[in-house]
């Protein structure tokens, strides 16, 4: 059984009586599923970027929009959905982080389908076509940093699990709709403390929605998005639940976008080293192996201090990996 003593649900306290079910009878359909899904309790649109300026200096960036169903807040002033935005930029020397909240229906945060647009105040994901997520322009800020980027991708979207239904536990009790675009190409400008940097690099986009991960028994996850130097991609995670076994699964993606779903017998994740981060013991280095594909790698953090001290606090930051293969990516750890 699980030994995750002390872990806590990331979205503890947001549980509601949502009846919408994640089911393989209703798989992910694109492009329509780029849009919000109001029947579900929580949803997020997640972008991580590994950027460099012209001098080769790293600028690792995360932009996320979360949407929570809060029907008890519905009134003449809002629709009963709360949006939360996170914008996080790491350089070698500093971390710039901003968080925003707004209720849908106030005109401050929401979604438009044609052309596709997500917005929170002056943060905008602006698509160029109706219902199409990419190509797009992303405009945001993080404390003293202003971000303006062009995003595109040529390879197809990736549906995780069974047609986009991602199982989080062996018994299938916890699940979500989940797809990615792991072949993002980004370029543009980042202005930090008045100094402009021309940047470019690669990124990974996730979109996920469910009601079950707001359950108090959902004690968090260890999640990885990896870009291999040979062009392959890997999504891997371990889900932790109260009074249950943790569950590991993932998706190996070739350079053209073809996928292989990996179960817990095929994918091994193990924490190797912990560090004190904001008074928490955080596993910052991991081993990951997929014996059937001759993959055995060890991850290292860009820097240990990559904590988002937000309303729902979690670890999110860039990593690199070596071993049988080399590359880089992002790691997200919740529940610590």
C-alpha atoms as a PDB file:
ATOM      1  CA  UNK A   1       0.000   0.000   0.000  1.00  0.00           C
ATOM      2  CA  UNK A   2       0.997   3.613  -0.379  1.00  0.00           C
ATOM      3  CA  UNK A   3       3.551   4.970   2.072  1.00  0.00           C
ATOM      4  CA  UNK A   4       3.125   8.603   1.069  1.00  0.00           C
ATOM      5  CA  UNK A   5       2.813   9.798   4.650  1.00  0.00           C
ATOM      6  CA  UNK A   6       2.506  13.579   4.804  1.00  0.00           C
ATOM      7  CA  UNK A   7       1.494  14.127   1.171  1.00  0.00           C
ATOM      8  CA  UNK A   8      -1.475  16.389   0.547  1.00  0.00           C
ATOM      9  CA  UNK A   9      -3.859  16.818  -2.337  1.00  0.00           C
ATOM     10  CA  UNK A  10      -2.843  19.770  -4.527  1.00  0.00           C
ATOM     11  CA  UNK A  11      -6.453  20.867  -5.005  1.00  0.00           C
ATOM     12  CA  UNK A  12      -7.705  19.919  -1.553  1.00  0.00           C
ATOM     13  CA  UNK A  13     -10.942  21.710  -0.733  1.00  0.00           C
ATOM     14  CA  UNK A  14     -12.201  22.098  -4.299  1.00  0.00           C
ATOM     15  CA  UNK A  15     -14.248  18.907  -4.444  1.00  0.00           C
ATOM     16  CA  UNK A  16     -17.735  19.458  -5.863  1.00  0.00           C
ATOM     17  CA  UNK A  17     -20.630  17.276  -6.970  1.00  0.00           C
ATOM     18  CA  UNK A  18     -19.732  17.215 -10.643  1.00  0.00           C
ATOM     19  CA  UNK A  19     -21.341  14.312 -12.443  1.00  0.00           C
ATOM     20  CA  UNK A  20     -19.375  14.508 -15.698  1.00  0.00           C
ATOM     21  CA  UNK A  21     -17.440  11.308 -16.333  1.00  0.00           C
ATOM     22  CA  UNK A  22     -14.163  10.639 -18.107  1.00  0.00           C
ATOM     23  CA  UNK A  23     -15.004   7.744 -20.406  1.00  0.00           C
ATOM     24  CA  UNK A  24     -13.501   5.949 -23.403  1.00  0.00           C
ATOM     25  CA  UNK A  25     -17.020   6.063 -24.854  1.00  0.00           C
ATOM     26  CA  UNK A  26     -16.425   9.784 -25.340  1.00  0.00           C
ATOM     27  CA  UNK A  27     -12.765  10.081 -26.370  1.00  0.00           C
ATOM     28  CA  UNK A  28     -10.851  13.315 -26.958  1.00  0.00           C
ATOM     29  CA  UNK A  29     -11.875  15.047 -30.183  1.00  0.00           C
ATOM     30  CA  UNK A  30      -9.762  17.799 -31.715  1.00  0.00           C
ATOM     31  CA  UNK A  31      -9.966  20.663 -32.428  1.00  0.00           C
ATOM     32  CA  UNK A  32     -13.162  21.076 -30.391  1.00  0.00           C
ATOM     33  CA  UNK A  33     -11.583  19.830 -27.143  1.00  0.00           C
ATOM     34  CA  UNK A  34      -9.105  22.710 -27.117  1.00  0.00           C
ATOM     35  CA  UNK A  35     -12.009  24.665 -25.593  1.00  0.00           C
ATOM     36  CA  UNK A  36     -13.028  24.599 -21.893  1.00  0.00           C
ATOM     37  CA  UNK A  37     -15.237  21.841 -20.492  1.00  0.00           C
ATOM     38  CA  UNK A  38     -17.617  23.406 -18.003  1.00  0.00           C
ATOM     39  CA  UNK A  39     -19.070  20.149 -16.664  1.00  0.00           C
ATOM     40  CA  UNK A  40     -15.773  19.140 -15.055  1.00  0.00           C
ATOM     41  CA  UNK A  41     -14.367  20.355 -11.758  1.00  0.00           C
ATOM     42  CA  UNK A  42     -10.818  21.255 -12.797  1.00  0.00           C
ATOM     43  CA  UNK A  43      -9.048  21.881 -16.080  1.00  0.00           C
ATOM     44  CA  UNK A  44      -5.677  23.213 -17.102  1.00  0.00           C
ATOM     45  CA  UNK A  45      -3.812  24.350 -20.205  1.00  0.00           C
ATOM     46  CA  UNK A  46      -0.098  23.951 -19.561  1.00  0.00           C
ATOM     47  CA  UNK A  47       2.929  25.177 -21.490  1.00  0.00           C
ATOM     48  CA  UNK A  48       6.602  24.639 -20.607  1.00  0.00           C
ATOM     49  CA  UNK A  49       9.379  26.137 -22.736  1.00  0.00           C
ATOM     50  CA  UNK A  50      13.146  25.587 -22.796  1.00  0.00           C
ATOM     51  CA  UNK A  51      14.463  28.793 -24.333  1.00  0.00           C
ATOM     52  CA  UNK A  52      17.872  30.405 -24.901  1.00  0.00           C
ATOM     53  CA  UNK A  53      18.931  33.904 -25.878  1.00  0.00           C
ATOM     54  CA  UNK A  54      21.480  34.666 -28.580  1.00  0.00           C
ATOM     55  CA  UNK A  55      24.315  34.178 -26.077  1.00  0.00           C
ATOM     56  CA  UNK A  56      23.072  30.706 -25.135  1.00  0.00           C
ATOM     57  CA  UNK A  57      21.778  31.752 -21.722  1.00  0.00           C
ATOM     58  CA  UNK A  58      18.786  29.660 -20.562  1.00  0.00           C
ATOM     59  CA  UNK A  59      15.298  31.090 -20.006  1.00  0.00           C
ATOM     60  CA  UNK A  60      13.016  28.323 -18.761  1.00  0.00           C
ATOM     61  CA  UNK A  61       9.380  29.357 -18.844  1.00  0.00           C
ATOM     62  CA  UNK A  62       6.046  27.927 -17.657  1.00  0.00           C
ATOM     63  CA  UNK A  63       2.648  29.390 -18.512  1.00  0.00           C
ATOM     64  CA  UNK A  64      -0.509  27.769 -17.148  1.00  0.00           C
ATOM     65  CA  UNK A  65      -4.197  28.574 -17.060  1.00  0.00           C
ATOM     66  CA  UNK A  66      -6.335  26.651 -14.577  1.00  0.00           C
ATOM     67  CA  UNK A  67     -10.135  26.678 -14.449  1.00  0.00           C
ATOM     68  CA  UNK A  68     -12.137  25.586 -11.388  1.00  0.00           C
ATOM     69  CA  UNK A  69     -15.872  25.032 -11.230  1.00  0.00           C
ATOM     70  CA  UNK A  70     -17.189  26.958  -8.206  1.00  0.00           C
ATOM     71  CA  UNK A  71     -20.996  26.935  -8.592  1.00  0.00           C
ATOM     72  CA  UNK A  72     -21.475  28.434  -5.134  1.00  0.00           C
ATOM     73  CA  UNK A  73     -19.890  31.644  -6.482  1.00  0.00           C
ATOM     74  CA  UNK A  74     -22.328  32.070  -9.370  1.00  0.00           C
ATOM     75  CA  UNK A  75     -24.084  35.448  -9.287  1.00  0.00           C
ATOM     76  CA  UNK A  76     -24.790  38.502 -11.394  1.00  0.00           C
ATOM     77  CA  UNK A  77     -21.058  39.160 -11.157  1.00  0.00           C
ATOM     78  CA  UNK A  78     -19.746  35.866 -12.532  1.00  0.00           C
ATOM     79  CA  UNK A  79     -20.501  32.485 -14.068  1.00  0.00           C
ATOM     80  CA  UNK A  80     -19.278  30.302 -11.190  1.00  0.00           C
ATOM     81  CA  UNK A  81     -15.933  29.425 -12.798  1.00  0.00           C
ATOM     82  CA  UNK A  82     -12.668  30.727 -11.349  1.00  0.00           C
ATOM     83  CA  UNK A  83      -9.589  31.040 -13.544  1.00  0.00           C
ATOM     84  CA  UNK A  84      -6.069  30.979 -12.109  1.00  0.00           C
ATOM     85  CA  UNK A  85      -3.006  31.911 -14.150  1.00  0.00           C
ATOM     86  CA  UNK A  86       0.633  31.092 -13.436  1.00  0.00           C
ATOM     87  CA  UNK A  87       3.596  32.631 -15.210  1.00  0.00           C
ATOM     88  CA  UNK A  88       7.026  31.409 -14.092  1.00  0.00           C
ATOM     89  CA  UNK A  89      10.421  32.308 -15.559  1.00  0.00           C
ATOM     90  CA  UNK A  90      13.721  30.857 -14.361  1.00  0.00           C
ATOM     91  CA  UNK A  91      17.140  32.194 -15.283  1.00  0.00           C
ATOM     92  CA  UNK A  92      20.347  30.982 -13.659  1.00  0.00           C
ATOM     93  CA  UNK A  93      20.238  33.882 -11.229  1.00  0.00           C
ATOM     94  CA  UNK A  94      16.562  34.470 -10.507  1.00  0.00           C
ATOM     95  CA  UNK A  95      12.971  33.246 -10.462  1.00  0.00           C
ATOM     96  CA  UNK A  96      10.157  35.514 -11.618  1.00  0.00           C
ATOM     97  CA  UNK A  97       6.660  34.312 -10.746  1.00  0.00           C
ATOM     98  CA  UNK A  98       3.197  35.854 -10.995  1.00  0.00           C
ATOM     99  CA  UNK A  99      -0.250  34.505 -10.190  1.00  0.00           C
ATOM    100  CA  UNK A 100      -3.650  35.869 -11.202  1.00  0.00           C
ATOM    101  CA  UNK A 101      -7.250  35.023 -10.316  1.00  0.00           C
ATOM    102  CA  UNK A 102     -10.456  36.085 -12.037  1.00  0.00           C
ATOM    103  CA  UNK A 103     -14.004  34.832 -12.308  1.00  0.00           C
ATOM    104  CA  UNK A 104     -15.403  33.974 -15.712  1.00  0.00           C
ATOM    105  CA  UNK A 105     -18.186  36.286 -16.881  1.00  0.00           C
ATOM    106  CA  UNK A 106     -16.545  39.439 -15.584  1.00  0.00           C
ATOM    107  CA  UNK A 107     -14.743  40.128 -18.859  1.00  0.00           C
ATOM    108  CA  UNK A 108     -11.353  39.673 -17.196  1.00  0.00           C
ATOM    109  CA  UNK A 109     -10.770  35.984 -17.946  1.00  0.00           C
ATOM    110  CA  UNK A 110     -12.186  33.482 -20.379  1.00  0.00           C
ATOM    111  CA  UNK A 111     -12.120  31.887 -23.813  1.00  0.00           C
ATOM    112  CA  UNK A 112     -13.137  32.811 -27.347  1.00  0.00           C
ATOM    113  CA  UNK A 113     -13.414  30.241 -30.138  1.00  0.00           C
ATOM    114  CA  UNK A 114     -13.017  32.279 -33.331  1.00  0.00           C
ATOM    115  CA  UNK A 115     -10.192  33.002 -33.549  1.00  0.00           C
ATOM    116  CA  UNK A 116      -9.161  30.892 -30.582  1.00  0.00           C
ATOM    117  CA  UNK A 117      -8.161  32.978 -27.580  1.00  0.00           C
ATOM    118  CA  UNK A 118      -7.529  32.413 -23.877  1.00  0.00           C
ATOM    119  CA  UNK A 119      -7.142  35.508 -21.750  1.00  0.00           C
ATOM    120  CA  UNK A 120      -6.579  36.635 -18.172  1.00  0.00           C
ATOM    121  CA  UNK A 121      -6.383  40.388 -17.984  1.00  0.00           C
ATOM    122  CA  UNK A 122      -3.381  41.252 -20.202  1.00  0.00           C
ATOM    123  CA  UNK A 123      -2.173  37.651 -20.453  1.00  0.00           C
ATOM    124  CA  UNK A 124      -3.287  36.236 -23.790  1.00  0.00           C
ATOM    125  CA  UNK A 125      -2.925  33.091 -25.851  1.00  0.00           C
ATOM    126  CA  UNK A 126      -4.025  34.377 -29.263  1.00  0.00           C
ATOM    127  CA  UNK A 127      -4.555  31.835 -32.025  1.00  0.00           C
ATOM    128  CA  UNK A 128      -4.722  32.733 -35.690  1.00  0.00           C
ATOM    129  CA  UNK A 129      -7.680  30.557 -36.732  1.00  0.00           C
ATOM    130  CA  UNK A 130     -11.076  29.451 -35.429  1.00  0.00           C
ATOM    131  CA  UNK A 131     -10.785  26.556 -32.934  1.00  0.00           C
ATOM    132  CA  UNK A 132      -7.084  26.057 -33.764  1.00  0.00           C
ATOM    133  CA  UNK A 133      -4.655  26.242 -30.857  1.00  0.00           C
ATOM    134  CA  UNK A 134      -1.588  26.805 -33.031  1.00  0.00           C
ATOM    135  CA  UNK A 135       0.024  28.821 -34.441  1.00  0.00           C
ATOM    136  CA  UNK A 136      -0.422  31.406 -31.722  1.00  0.00           C
ATOM    137  CA  UNK A 137       1.071  34.413 -29.976  1.00  0.00           C
ATOM    138  CA  UNK A 138       1.572  34.276 -26.210  1.00  0.00           C
ATOM    139  CA  UNK A 139       1.755  37.538 -24.273  1.00  0.00           C
ATOM    140  CA  UNK A 140       2.324  37.432 -20.520  1.00  0.00           C
ATOM    141  CA  UNK A 141       4.414  38.717 -17.642  1.00  0.00           C
ATOM    142  CA  UNK A 142       6.100  37.462 -14.482  1.00  0.00           C
ATOM    143  CA  UNK A 143       7.058  40.157 -11.989  1.00  0.00           C
ATOM    144  CA  UNK A 144       9.799  42.196 -13.715  1.00  0.00           C
ATOM    145  CA  UNK A 145       9.715  40.019 -16.851  1.00  0.00           C
ATOM    146  CA  UNK A 146       7.568  40.573 -19.954  1.00  0.00           C
ATOM    147  CA  UNK A 147       7.104  37.702 -22.399  1.00  0.00           C
ATOM    148  CA  UNK A 148       6.020  37.867 -26.041  1.00  0.00           C
ATOM    149  CA  UNK A 149       6.399  34.645 -28.019  1.00  0.00           C
ATOM    150  CA  UNK A 150       5.267  33.021 -31.242  1.00  0.00           C
ATOM    151  CA  UNK A 151       4.331  29.342 -30.913  1.00  0.00           C
ATOM    152  CA  UNK A 152       3.968  26.724 -33.637  1.00  0.00           C
ATOM    153  CA  UNK A 153       4.143  22.961 -34.174  1.00  0.00           C
ATOM    154  CA  UNK A 154       4.232  20.770 -37.269  1.00  0.00           C
ATOM    155  CA  UNK A 155       3.732  17.301 -35.768  1.00  0.00           C
ATOM    156  CA  UNK A 156       0.351  15.948 -34.603  1.00  0.00           C
ATOM    157  CA  UNK A 157      -1.141  16.157 -31.125  1.00  0.00           C
ATOM    158  CA  UNK A 158      -0.631  13.160 -28.838  1.00  0.00           C
ATOM    159  CA  UNK A 159      -3.552  11.494 -27.036  1.00  0.00           C
ATOM    160  CA  UNK A 160      -2.432   9.781 -23.833  1.00  0.00           C
ATOM    161  CA  UNK A 161      -3.779   6.519 -22.490  1.00  0.00           C
ATOM    162  CA  UNK A 162      -6.791   5.161 -24.387  1.00  0.00           C
ATOM    163  CA  UNK A 163      -7.833   7.773 -26.997  1.00  0.00           C
ATOM    164  CA  UNK A 164      -7.004  10.569 -24.567  1.00  0.00           C
ATOM    165  CA  UNK A 165      -8.405   8.886 -21.436  1.00  0.00           C
ATOM    166  CA  UNK A 166      -5.467   8.794 -19.016  1.00  0.00           C
ATOM    167  CA  UNK A 167      -5.743   6.283 -16.173  1.00  0.00           C
ATOM    168  CA  UNK A 168      -4.179   7.498 -12.924  1.00  0.00           C
ATOM    169  CA  UNK A 169      -4.715   4.319 -10.859  1.00  0.00           C
ATOM    170  CA  UNK A 170      -4.630   0.619 -11.681  1.00  0.00           C
ATOM    171  CA  UNK A 171      -8.343   0.216 -10.970  1.00  0.00           C
ATOM    172  CA  UNK A 172      -9.229   3.155 -13.234  1.00  0.00           C
ATOM    173  CA  UNK A 173     -11.045   4.976 -10.425  1.00  0.00           C
ATOM    174  CA  UNK A 174      -8.942   8.086 -11.023  1.00  0.00           C
ATOM    175  CA  UNK A 175      -8.700   9.249 -14.614  1.00  0.00           C
ATOM    176  CA  UNK A 176      -8.622  12.367 -16.757  1.00  0.00           C
ATOM    177  CA  UNK A 177      -8.855  13.502 -20.333  1.00  0.00           C
ATOM    178  CA  UNK A 178      -5.308  14.308 -21.385  1.00  0.00           C
ATOM    179  CA  UNK A 179      -3.526  15.206 -24.620  1.00  0.00           C
ATOM    180  CA  UNK A 180      -0.294  17.017 -25.479  1.00  0.00           C
ATOM    181  CA  UNK A 181       1.561  18.857 -28.186  1.00  0.00           C
ATOM    182  CA  UNK A 182       5.191  17.936 -27.375  1.00  0.00           C
ATOM    183  CA  UNK A 183       6.698  19.443 -30.532  1.00  0.00           C
ATOM    184  CA  UNK A 184       6.284  23.158 -29.789  1.00  0.00           C
ATOM    185  CA  UNK A 185       8.715  25.570 -31.409  1.00  0.00           C
ATOM    186  CA  UNK A 186       8.913  29.020 -29.835  1.00  0.00           C
ATOM    187  CA  UNK A 187      10.639  32.306 -30.612  1.00  0.00           C
ATOM    188  CA  UNK A 188      10.277  35.914 -29.565  1.00  0.00           C
ATOM    189  CA  UNK A 189      11.297  38.375 -26.886  1.00  0.00           C
ATOM    190  CA  UNK A 190      11.659  38.277 -23.132  1.00  0.00           C
ATOM    191  CA  UNK A 191      12.341  41.576 -21.385  1.00  0.00           C
ATOM    192  CA  UNK A 192      13.811  41.239 -17.881  1.00  0.00           C
ATOM    193  CA  UNK A 193      14.377  44.378 -15.795  1.00  0.00           C
ATOM    194  CA  UNK A 194      14.301  46.460 -18.965  1.00  0.00           C
ATOM    195  CA  UNK A 195      16.817  44.320 -20.890  1.00  0.00           C
ATOM    196  CA  UNK A 196      15.437  42.649 -24.020  1.00  0.00           C
ATOM    197  CA  UNK A 197      16.486  39.124 -24.984  1.00  0.00           C
ATOM    198  CA  UNK A 198      15.731  37.490 -28.313  1.00  0.00           C
ATOM    199  CA  UNK A 199      14.947  33.871 -27.474  1.00  0.00           C
ATOM    200  CA  UNK A 200      14.025  30.639 -29.170  1.00  0.00           C
ATOM    201  CA  UNK A 201      13.652  27.015 -28.186  1.00  0.00           C
ATOM    202  CA  UNK A 202      11.344  24.061 -27.774  1.00  0.00           C
ATOM    203  CA  UNK A 203       8.312  23.387 -25.639  1.00  0.00           C
ATOM    204  CA  UNK A 204       5.583  21.039 -24.475  1.00  0.00           C
ATOM    205  CA  UNK A 205       1.868  21.798 -24.204  1.00  0.00           C
ATOM    206  CA  UNK A 206      -0.604  19.808 -22.066  1.00  0.00           C
ATOM    207  CA  UNK A 207      -4.371  20.048 -21.753  1.00  0.00           C
ATOM    208  CA  UNK A 208      -6.111  18.026 -19.058  1.00  0.00           C
ATOM    209  CA  UNK A 209      -9.580  18.014 -17.464  1.00  0.00           C
ATOM    210  CA  UNK A 210     -11.294  15.913 -14.829  1.00  0.00           C
ATOM    211  CA  UNK A 211     -13.261  16.117 -11.603  1.00  0.00           C
ATOM    212  CA  UNK A 212     -11.493  13.377  -9.687  1.00  0.00           C
ATOM    213  CA  UNK A 213      -8.110  15.017  -9.112  1.00  0.00           C
ATOM    214  CA  UNK A 214      -9.842  17.462  -6.764  1.00  0.00           C
ATOM    215  CA  UNK A 215     -10.565  14.499  -4.461  1.00  0.00           C
ATOM    216  CA  UNK A 216      -8.851  14.730  -1.071  1.00  0.00           C
ATOM    217  CA  UNK A 217      -7.535  11.177  -1.596  1.00  0.00           C
ATOM    218  CA  UNK A 218      -5.615  12.246  -4.725  1.00  0.00           C
ATOM    219  CA  UNK A 219      -2.288  12.971  -3.013  1.00  0.00           C
ATOM    220  CA  UNK A 220      -0.364  14.329  -5.962  1.00  0.00           C
ATOM    221  CA  UNK A 221       1.955  13.210  -8.708  1.00  0.00           C
ATOM    222  CA  UNK A 222       5.528  13.152  -9.987  1.00  0.00           C
ATOM    223  CA  UNK A 223       5.373  14.156 -13.658  1.00  0.00           C
ATOM    224  CA  UNK A 224       7.991  14.458 -16.406  1.00  0.00           C
ATOM    225  CA  UNK A 225       7.977  15.785 -19.980  1.00  0.00           C
ATOM    226  CA  UNK A 226      11.236  14.893 -21.720  1.00  0.00           C
ATOM    227  CA  UNK A 227      12.775  15.929 -25.046  1.00  0.00           C
ATOM    228  CA  UNK A 228      15.370  13.403 -26.227  1.00  0.00           C
ATOM    229  CA  UNK A 229      18.267  14.619 -28.351  1.00  0.00           C
ATOM    230  CA  UNK A 230      17.329  11.971 -30.949  1.00  0.00           C
ATOM    231  CA  UNK A 231      13.923  13.625 -31.462  1.00  0.00           C
ATOM    232  CA  UNK A 232      11.804  11.364 -29.280  1.00  0.00           C
ATOM    233  CA  UNK A 233       9.594  12.622 -26.459  1.00  0.00           C
ATOM    234  CA  UNK A 234       8.429  11.005 -23.231  1.00  0.00           C
ATOM    235  CA  UNK A 235       5.629  11.813 -20.821  1.00  0.00           C
ATOM    236  CA  UNK A 236       5.838   9.874 -17.550  1.00  0.00           C
ATOM    237  CA  UNK A 237       4.157  10.182 -14.175  1.00  0.00           C
ATOM    238  CA  UNK A 238       3.500   8.427 -10.897  1.00  0.00           C
ATOM    239  CA  UNK A 239       0.153   9.131  -9.236  1.00  0.00           C
ATOM    240  CA  UNK A 240      -0.184   8.840  -5.459  1.00  0.00           C
ATOM    241  CA  UNK A 241      -3.510   8.144  -3.737  1.00  0.00           C
ATOM    242  CA  UNK A 242      -4.433   7.753  -0.085  1.00  0.00           C
ATOM    243  CA  UNK A 243      -4.758   4.140   1.102  1.00  0.00           C
ATOM    244  CA  UNK A 244      -3.736   2.809  -2.299  1.00  0.00           C
ATOM    245  CA  UNK A 245      -0.766   1.828  -4.384  1.00  0.00           C
ATOM    246  CA  UNK A 246       0.990   4.497  -6.427  1.00  0.00           C
ATOM    247  CA  UNK A 247       0.631   4.062 -10.190  1.00  0.00           C
ATOM    248  CA  UNK A 248       3.197   4.781 -12.915  1.00  0.00           C
ATOM    249  CA  UNK A 249       2.477   5.147 -16.608  1.00  0.00           C
ATOM    250  CA  UNK A 250       3.601   7.166 -19.599  1.00  0.00           C
ATOM    251  CA  UNK A 251       3.727   7.717 -23.341  1.00  0.00           C
ATOM    252  CA  UNK A 252       6.834   7.276 -25.510  1.00  0.00           C
ATOM    253  CA  UNK A 253       6.589   9.355 -28.678  1.00  0.00           C
ATOM    254  CA  UNK A 254       8.818   8.945 -31.731  1.00  0.00           C
ATOM    255  CA  UNK A 255      10.171  11.872 -33.749  1.00  0.00           C
ATOM    256  CA  UNK A 256       7.166  11.766 -36.109  1.00  0.00           C
ATOM    257  CA  UNK A 257       4.576  11.671 -33.312  1.00  0.00           C
ATOM    258  CA  UNK A 258       3.721   7.960 -33.176  1.00  0.00           C
ATOM    259  CA  UNK A 259       3.071   6.748 -29.633  1.00  0.00           C
ATOM    260  CA  UNK A 260       3.510   3.744 -27.368  1.00  0.00           C
ATOM    261  CA  UNK A 261       1.605   3.662 -24.076  1.00  0.00           C
ATOM    262  CA  UNK A 262       3.757   2.371 -21.204  1.00  0.00           C
ATOM    263  CA  UNK A 263       2.315   0.625 -18.172  1.00  0.00           C
ATOM    264  CA  UNK A 264       3.772   0.247 -14.666  1.00  0.00           C
ATOM    265  CA  UNK A 265       5.526  -2.993 -15.630  1.00  0.00           C
ATOM    266  CA  UNK A 266       7.381  -1.246 -18.458  1.00  0.00           C
ATOM    267  CA  UNK A 267       8.273   2.132 -16.936  1.00  0.00           C
ATOM    268  CA  UNK A 268      10.306   2.567 -13.757  1.00  0.00           C
ATOM    269  CA  UNK A 269      10.638   5.860 -11.857  1.00  0.00           C
ATOM    270  CA  UNK A 270      12.733   6.162  -8.705  1.00  0.00           C
ATOM    271  CA  UNK A 271      13.798   9.182  -6.660  1.00  0.00           C
ATOM    272  CA  UNK A 272      17.587   9.338  -6.177  1.00  0.00           C
ATOM    273  CA  UNK A 273      18.327  12.564  -4.303  1.00  0.00           C
ATOM    274  CA  UNK A 274      16.307  14.955  -2.167  1.00  0.00           C
ATOM    275  CA  UNK A 275      17.001  18.579  -1.300  1.00  0.00           C
ATOM    276  CA  UNK A 276      15.549  20.995   1.213  1.00  0.00           C
ATOM    277  CA  UNK A 277      13.342  23.334  -0.812  1.00  0.00           C
ATOM    278  CA  UNK A 278      11.119  25.808   1.095  1.00  0.00           C
ATOM    279  CA  UNK A 279      11.364  23.579   4.188  1.00  0.00           C
ATOM    280  CA  UNK A 280      10.253  20.507   2.247  1.00  0.00           C
ATOM    281  CA  UNK A 281      12.181  17.392   1.258  1.00  0.00           C
ATOM    282  CA  UNK A 282      11.909  17.485  -2.533  1.00  0.00           C
ATOM    283  CA  UNK A 283      13.234  14.654  -4.753  1.00  0.00           C
ATOM    284  CA  UNK A 284      15.174  16.685  -7.303  1.00  0.00           C
ATOM    285  CA  UNK A 285      17.024  13.842  -9.056  1.00  0.00           C
ATOM    286  CA  UNK A 286      15.431  10.697 -10.499  1.00  0.00           C
ATOM    287  CA  UNK A 287      16.227   7.530 -12.380  1.00  0.00           C
ATOM    288  CA  UNK A 288      13.942   6.514 -15.216  1.00  0.00           C
ATOM    289  CA  UNK A 289      14.147   3.298 -17.205  1.00  0.00           C
ATOM    290  CA  UNK A 290      12.200   1.582 -19.979  1.00  0.00           C
ATOM    291  CA  UNK A 291      14.014  -1.759 -20.463  1.00  0.00           C
ATOM    292  CA  UNK A 292      12.097  -2.765 -23.589  1.00  0.00           C
ATOM    293  CA  UNK A 293      13.435   0.356 -25.353  1.00  0.00           C
ATOM    294  CA  UNK A 294      16.929   0.248 -23.794  1.00  0.00           C
ATOM    295  CA  UNK A 295      16.325   3.535 -22.010  1.00  0.00           C
ATOM    296  CA  UNK A 296      18.034   4.114 -18.645  1.00  0.00           C
ATOM    297  CA  UNK A 297      18.552   7.759 -17.698  1.00  0.00           C
ATOM    298  CA  UNK A 298      19.188   9.956 -14.672  1.00  0.00           C
ATOM    299  CA  UNK A 299      17.699  13.433 -14.328  1.00  0.00           C
ATOM    300  CA  UNK A 300      19.293  16.521 -12.789  1.00  0.00           C
ATOM    301  CA  UNK A 301      17.539  19.812 -11.983  1.00  0.00           C
ATOM    302  CA  UNK A 302      18.417  23.070 -13.708  1.00  0.00           C
ATOM    303  CA  UNK A 303      18.580  24.313 -10.116  1.00  0.00           C
ATOM    304  CA  UNK A 304      17.148  22.889  -6.916  1.00  0.00           C
ATOM    305  CA  UNK A 305      14.993  25.924  -6.056  1.00  0.00           C
ATOM    306  CA  UNK A 306      12.192  25.687  -8.618  1.00  0.00           C
ATOM    307  CA  UNK A 307       9.148  26.039  -6.350  1.00  0.00           C
ATOM    308  CA  UNK A 308       5.975  27.917  -7.280  1.00  0.00           C
ATOM    309  CA  UNK A 309       4.793  29.478  -4.008  1.00  0.00           C
ATOM    310  CA  UNK A 310       1.218  29.933  -5.154  1.00  0.00           C
ATOM    311  CA  UNK A 311      -2.280  29.423  -3.746  1.00  0.00           C
ATOM    312  CA  UNK A 312      -1.777  25.768  -4.700  1.00  0.00           C
ATOM    313  CA  UNK A 313       1.974  25.359  -4.235  1.00  0.00           C
ATOM    314  CA  UNK A 314       4.026  22.865  -6.258  1.00  0.00           C
ATOM    315  CA  UNK A 315       7.454  22.184  -7.733  1.00  0.00           C
ATOM    316  CA  UNK A 316       7.875  22.960 -11.431  1.00  0.00           C
ATOM    317  CA  UNK A 317      11.184  23.337 -13.197  1.00  0.00           C
ATOM    318  CA  UNK A 318      13.581  22.447 -15.957  1.00  0.00           C
ATOM    319  CA  UNK A 319      15.749  19.341 -15.847  1.00  0.00           C
ATOM    320  CA  UNK A 320      18.368  17.626 -17.994  1.00  0.00           C
ATOM    321  CA  UNK A 321      19.112  13.922 -18.291  1.00  0.00           C
ATOM    322  CA  UNK A 322      22.012  11.665 -19.175  1.00  0.00           C
ATOM    323  CA  UNK A 323      22.693   7.934 -19.420  1.00  0.00           C
ATOM    324  CA  UNK A 324      21.654   5.752 -22.337  1.00  0.00           C
ATOM    325  CA  UNK A 325      20.206   8.927 -23.885  1.00  0.00           C
ATOM    326  CA  UNK A 326      20.646  12.658 -23.369  1.00  0.00           C
ATOM    327  CA  UNK A 327      18.158  15.477 -23.386  1.00  0.00           C
ATOM    328  CA  UNK A 328      16.184  17.970 -21.324  1.00  0.00           C
ATOM    329  CA  UNK A 329      12.675  18.659 -20.142  1.00  0.00           C
ATOM    330  CA  UNK A 330      10.485  19.677 -17.218  1.00  0.00           C
ATOM    331  CA  UNK A 331       9.505  18.056 -13.936  1.00  0.00           C
ATOM    332  CA  UNK A 332       6.405  18.766 -11.864  1.00  0.00           C
ATOM    333  CA  UNK A 333       5.995  17.455  -8.310  1.00  0.00           C
ATOM    334  CA  UNK A 334       2.813  17.979  -6.281  1.00  0.00           C
ATOM    335  CA  UNK A 335       1.684  16.903  -2.827  1.00  0.00           C
ATOM    336  CA  UNK A 336       4.981  17.600  -1.035  1.00  0.00           C
END
